[in-house]
């Protein structure tokens, strides 16, 4: 019956009814997946690409930053700016490039200090080898999920308060930061970065080697807190006093939290590795 109707329609309309007859054709299938029109490209310059966070994202403190860089001596610089452009925090990290002139991955966390406005900007860049100016700047506007604050304590050594340098005697400094649901991670990030310029001027110092890294931190239900460190602290250390001092800074800093009952320190996932 369908064949009869189509034939009749062709005879009646001639070739002018092709558009009508084409409705009887089965749909053409495709093995290709649909192309998304909502892909968000990462922010990048010629030599730096920041994969996360993405521009205009709502972020929590601390901020996880990842990407790729091809920079001088593999040093990746960053700074956090307030809405008026003033500098809130700054630091450096390192790209794991296989060789000079090649891209390497970077992965670090930024602790947000006290702010007055949820709108901030993260800039990732390299310092010019010529004059130290910021080049290849990748600027990422962000929105904080909150601006209330919390006080956290860090424990450092101080040779004025402890003139005998007893290795394990440490003293607290208080940092006011934007509130976070990850306070243990935040204090460990800040501890590994060492004292601020003002704290150093007040004789605070750290036993933790420069360029030490936090691989991970977790707190189990029974209060066992596992801290996995890497970077310089995982290399051979000079003496038992230094090792004891590192442990004292970490343990006193983390034991400010009621949930922390016991602390296990790993080096690149290995137990019992923190040795002189």
Protein backbone atom coordinates (compact mmCIF):
# COMPACT_ATOMS: atom_id res chain seq x y z
CA UNK A 1 0.00 0.00 0.00
CA UNK A 2 2.87 2.39 0.89
CA UNK A 3 4.52 1.64 -2.44
CA UNK A 4 1.32 2.48 -4.29
CA UNK A 5 0.94 5.83 -2.46
CA UNK A 6 4.53 6.87 -3.12
CA UNK A 7 4.30 5.93 -6.79
CA UNK A 8 1.05 7.88 -7.14
CA UNK A 9 2.60 10.90 -5.45
CA UNK A 10 5.54 10.91 -7.83
CA UNK A 11 3.27 10.63 -10.86
CA UNK A 12 1.11 13.47 -9.56
CA UNK A 13 3.84 15.91 -8.48
CA UNK A 14 6.71 15.03 -10.78
CA UNK A 15 10.20 15.74 -9.55
CA UNK A 16 9.05 18.77 -7.53
CA UNK A 17 7.95 16.58 -4.63
CA UNK A 18 11.37 15.17 -3.79
CA UNK A 19 11.32 16.93 -0.42
CA UNK A 20 8.11 15.18 0.53
CA UNK A 21 9.24 11.74 -0.63
CA UNK A 22 12.51 12.11 1.28
CA UNK A 23 10.54 11.86 4.53
CA UNK A 24 10.17 8.16 3.83
CA UNK A 25 13.97 7.63 3.93
CA UNK A 26 15.36 6.07 7.13
CA UNK A 27 17.56 8.37 9.27
CA UNK A 28 21.30 8.19 8.61
CA UNK A 29 23.21 6.95 11.68
CA UNK A 30 26.72 8.03 12.68
CA UNK A 31 29.35 6.33 14.78
CA UNK A 32 30.87 9.70 15.76
CA UNK A 33 29.97 11.01 19.24
CA UNK A 34 28.26 14.38 19.36
CA UNK A 35 30.66 17.31 19.63
CA UNK A 36 30.20 19.29 22.83
CA UNK A 37 29.86 23.03 22.42
CA UNK A 38 30.43 23.65 26.15
CA UNK A 39 34.11 22.70 26.39
CA UNK A 40 36.02 25.09 28.64
CA UNK A 41 39.55 25.64 27.42
CA UNK A 42 42.27 25.95 30.08
CA UNK A 43 43.88 29.33 30.59
CA UNK A 44 47.32 29.47 28.98
CA UNK A 45 50.21 31.55 27.73
CA UNK A 46 52.97 30.51 25.35
CA UNK A 47 54.79 28.56 28.05
CA UNK A 48 52.30 27.96 30.87
CA UNK A 49 48.92 26.24 30.85
CA UNK A 50 46.74 26.08 33.97
CA UNK A 51 44.33 23.15 33.84
CA UNK A 52 42.67 23.88 37.17
CA UNK A 53 41.13 25.94 38.53
CA UNK A 54 39.24 27.28 35.53
CA UNK A 55 38.37 30.94 35.12
CA UNK A 56 35.40 32.23 37.15
CA UNK A 57 35.14 28.97 39.13
CA UNK A 58 33.90 28.98 42.72
CA UNK A 59 36.72 27.56 44.81
CA UNK A 60 37.35 26.50 48.40
CA UNK A 61 40.42 27.14 50.50
CA UNK A 62 43.06 25.79 49.90
CA UNK A 63 43.01 26.06 46.10
CA UNK A 64 44.40 23.14 44.09
CA UNK A 65 46.42 24.32 41.07
CA UNK A 66 47.57 22.03 38.26
CA UNK A 67 48.98 22.52 34.81
CA UNK A 68 51.98 22.35 32.48
CA UNK A 69 54.92 24.73 32.14
CA UNK A 70 58.07 25.23 30.10
CA UNK A 71 59.93 27.78 32.21
CA UNK A 72 63.45 28.83 33.23
CA UNK A 73 64.97 26.34 35.68
CA UNK A 74 61.50 24.76 35.95
CA UNK A 75 60.44 27.40 38.51
CA UNK A 76 56.74 28.25 38.38
CA UNK A 77 55.74 31.39 40.29
CA UNK A 78 52.28 32.27 41.55
CA UNK A 79 50.53 35.06 43.36
CA UNK A 80 47.05 35.65 44.70
CA UNK A 81 45.51 39.09 44.22
CA UNK A 82 42.56 40.76 45.89
CA UNK A 83 39.83 42.51 43.93
CA UNK A 84 41.77 45.80 44.12
CA UNK A 85 44.93 44.18 42.77
CA UNK A 86 46.87 44.05 46.04
CA UNK A 87 48.93 40.93 46.69
CA UNK A 88 47.46 38.48 49.20
CA UNK A 89 49.98 35.65 48.94
CA UNK A 90 52.79 34.45 46.69
CA UNK A 91 55.09 31.50 46.22
CA UNK A 92 56.85 29.17 43.80
CA UNK A 93 56.58 25.58 42.68
CA UNK A 94 58.41 23.40 40.19
CA UNK A 95 57.45 21.82 36.90
CA UNK A 96 58.55 18.21 36.53
CA UNK A 97 60.03 18.66 33.06
CA UNK A 98 62.02 15.72 31.65
CA UNK A 99 64.60 18.01 30.06
CA UNK A 100 65.45 21.65 29.43
CA UNK A 101 63.03 23.36 27.06
CA UNK A 102 60.32 20.74 27.55
CA UNK A 103 56.96 21.03 29.26
CA UNK A 104 56.50 19.49 32.69
CA UNK A 105 53.57 19.12 35.07
CA UNK A 106 53.08 21.19 38.20
CA UNK A 107 50.70 20.46 41.05
CA UNK A 108 50.43 22.62 44.17
CA UNK A 109 48.01 24.10 46.70
CA UNK A 110 47.48 27.76 47.59
CA UNK A 111 46.26 28.70 51.07
CA UNK A 112 44.07 31.80 50.97
CA UNK A 113 44.74 34.31 53.76
CA UNK A 114 42.09 36.58 55.23
CA UNK A 115 40.17 38.44 52.51
CA UNK A 116 37.50 41.13 52.41
CA UNK A 117 35.85 40.08 49.14
CA UNK A 118 35.06 36.74 47.52
CA UNK A 119 36.47 37.87 44.18
CA UNK A 120 40.18 37.11 43.84
CA UNK A 121 42.63 36.47 41.01
CA UNK A 122 45.24 33.72 40.75
CA UNK A 123 48.23 34.51 38.56
CA UNK A 124 50.68 31.81 37.46
CA UNK A 125 53.80 33.02 35.66
CA UNK A 126 57.55 32.75 35.33
CA UNK A 127 60.07 35.30 36.54
CA UNK A 128 62.17 36.67 33.71
CA UNK A 129 65.78 35.46 33.76
CA UNK A 130 66.74 38.95 32.57
CA UNK A 131 65.19 41.21 35.21
CA UNK A 132 62.87 39.10 37.38
CA UNK A 133 59.70 40.64 35.96
CA UNK A 134 56.60 38.49 35.51
CA UNK A 135 56.28 37.00 32.02
CA UNK A 136 53.95 34.38 30.50
CA UNK A 137 51.34 35.49 33.02
CA UNK A 138 48.21 33.34 33.18
CA UNK A 139 45.51 35.29 35.04
CA UNK A 140 42.52 33.40 36.42
CA UNK A 141 39.62 35.23 38.13
CA UNK A 142 38.03 33.14 40.90
CA UNK A 143 35.22 33.34 43.42
CA UNK A 144 35.73 32.04 46.97
CA UNK A 145 32.95 29.96 48.46
CA UNK A 146 33.24 31.88 51.77
CA UNK A 147 35.10 34.80 53.36
CA UNK A 148 34.76 34.08 57.08
CA UNK A 149 38.08 33.37 58.77
CA UNK A 150 39.75 30.87 61.07
CA UNK A 151 42.93 30.97 63.14
CA UNK A 152 45.44 28.16 62.77
CA UNK A 153 48.68 27.55 64.65
CA UNK A 154 52.03 26.58 63.16
CA UNK A 155 54.95 25.41 65.29
CA UNK A 156 58.50 26.51 64.47
CA UNK A 157 61.84 26.66 66.22
CA UNK A 158 63.11 29.89 67.77
CA UNK A 159 66.71 30.19 68.93
CA UNK A 160 65.92 33.24 71.07
CA UNK A 161 63.16 31.48 72.99
CA UNK A 162 65.21 28.28 73.03
CA UNK A 163 68.86 29.42 73.19
CA UNK A 164 70.08 25.91 74.02
CA UNK A 165 68.54 24.62 70.77
CA UNK A 166 67.01 21.49 72.27
CA UNK A 167 65.93 20.03 68.88
CA UNK A 168 62.33 19.25 69.80
CA UNK A 169 61.29 22.51 71.49
CA UNK A 170 58.99 24.47 69.18
CA UNK A 171 56.81 27.56 69.54
CA UNK A 172 53.52 28.52 67.95
CA UNK A 173 52.66 31.34 65.58
CA UNK A 174 49.07 32.10 64.61
CA UNK A 175 47.93 32.59 61.02
CA UNK A 176 44.49 33.97 60.15
CA UNK A 177 43.19 32.47 56.92
CA UNK A 178 39.94 32.15 55.00
CA UNK A 179 37.88 29.40 56.63
CA UNK A 180 38.45 25.90 55.27
CA UNK A 181 37.00 22.42 55.62
CA UNK A 182 40.56 21.06 55.19
CA UNK A 183 42.43 22.71 58.09
CA UNK A 184 44.98 19.90 58.48
CA UNK A 185 45.96 20.16 54.82
CA UNK A 186 46.09 23.96 55.07
CA UNK A 187 48.45 23.99 58.08
CA UNK A 188 50.75 21.41 56.51
CA UNK A 189 50.99 23.44 53.29
CA UNK A 190 51.87 26.55 55.30
CA UNK A 191 54.29 24.64 57.56
CA UNK A 192 56.25 23.33 54.58
CA UNK A 193 56.48 26.87 53.18
CA UNK A 194 58.21 27.96 56.37
CA UNK A 195 58.01 31.17 58.40
CA UNK A 196 56.89 34.44 56.82
CA UNK A 197 59.31 37.33 56.52
CA UNK A 198 57.86 38.86 59.68
CA UNK A 199 58.14 35.59 61.59
CA UNK A 200 61.74 35.17 60.43
CA UNK A 201 62.49 38.68 61.68
CA UNK A 202 61.18 37.50 65.05
CA UNK A 203 63.67 34.61 65.02
CA UNK A 204 61.35 31.77 63.99
CA UNK A 205 62.94 29.10 61.79
CA UNK A 206 62.14 25.68 60.43
CA UNK A 207 63.98 22.37 60.39
CA UNK A 208 62.05 21.25 57.32
CA UNK A 209 64.23 21.56 54.19
CA UNK A 210 63.30 24.04 51.47
CA UNK A 211 61.38 22.50 48.56
CA UNK A 212 59.74 19.83 50.70
CA UNK A 213 56.31 18.83 49.39
CA UNK A 214 53.04 17.48 50.75
CA UNK A 215 52.04 14.46 48.70
CA UNK A 216 48.92 13.74 50.76
CA UNK A 217 47.36 13.88 54.21
CA UNK A 218 44.48 11.85 55.62
CA UNK A 219 42.78 11.40 59.00
CA UNK A 220 41.07 8.09 59.73
CA UNK A 221 38.04 7.61 61.95
CA UNK A 222 40.17 6.53 64.90
CA UNK A 223 42.36 9.63 64.66
CA UNK A 224 45.37 8.14 62.83
CA UNK A 225 46.74 10.98 60.72
CA UNK A 226 48.98 9.95 57.84
CA UNK A 227 51.23 12.61 56.32
CA UNK A 228 53.03 11.68 53.11
CA UNK A 229 55.91 14.01 52.28
CA UNK A 230 58.19 14.29 49.27
CA UNK A 231 60.75 16.60 47.74
CA UNK A 232 63.80 17.69 49.74
CA UNK A 233 62.64 16.17 53.03
CA UNK A 234 62.74 12.72 51.41
CA UNK A 235 66.44 13.09 50.66
CA UNK A 236 69.20 12.13 53.17
CA UNK A 237 69.05 14.45 56.18
CA UNK A 238 71.92 15.72 58.29
CA UNK A 239 71.69 14.37 61.81
CA UNK A 240 69.27 13.10 64.40
CA UNK A 241 68.59 16.57 65.82
CA UNK A 242 67.33 17.77 62.45
CA UNK A 243 65.06 14.73 62.08
CA UNK A 244 63.71 15.21 65.60
CA UNK A 245 63.10 18.87 64.87
CA UNK A 246 61.12 18.08 61.73
CA UNK A 247 58.97 15.61 63.63
CA UNK A 248 58.36 18.12 66.44
CA UNK A 249 57.13 20.80 64.04
CA UNK A 250 54.76 18.42 62.26
CA UNK A 251 53.39 16.70 65.35
CA UNK A 252 52.76 19.84 67.40
CA UNK A 253 51.15 21.58 64.42
CA UNK A 254 48.74 18.71 63.74
CA UNK A 255 47.89 17.94 67.36
CA UNK A 256 46.06 21.26 67.67
CA UNK A 257 43.13 19.37 66.12
CA UNK A 258 41.06 17.18 68.44
CA UNK A 259 40.53 14.63 65.65
CA UNK A 260 44.27 13.92 65.49
CA UNK A 261 45.26 11.18 67.95
CA UNK A 262 48.31 9.59 66.32
CA UNK A 263 50.60 10.75 63.52
CA UNK A 264 52.40 8.63 60.93
CA UNK A 265 54.93 10.32 58.65
CA UNK A 266 55.66 8.74 55.27
CA UNK A 267 58.22 9.74 52.69
CA UNK A 268 56.94 9.13 49.17
CA UNK A 269 54.61 6.48 50.56
CA UNK A 270 57.29 4.63 52.56
CA UNK A 271 57.07 4.12 56.32
CA UNK A 272 59.99 4.54 58.74
CA UNK A 273 61.89 6.60 56.18
CA UNK A 274 62.45 9.80 58.18
CA UNK A 275 65.99 8.98 59.27
CA UNK A 276 69.16 11.03 59.85
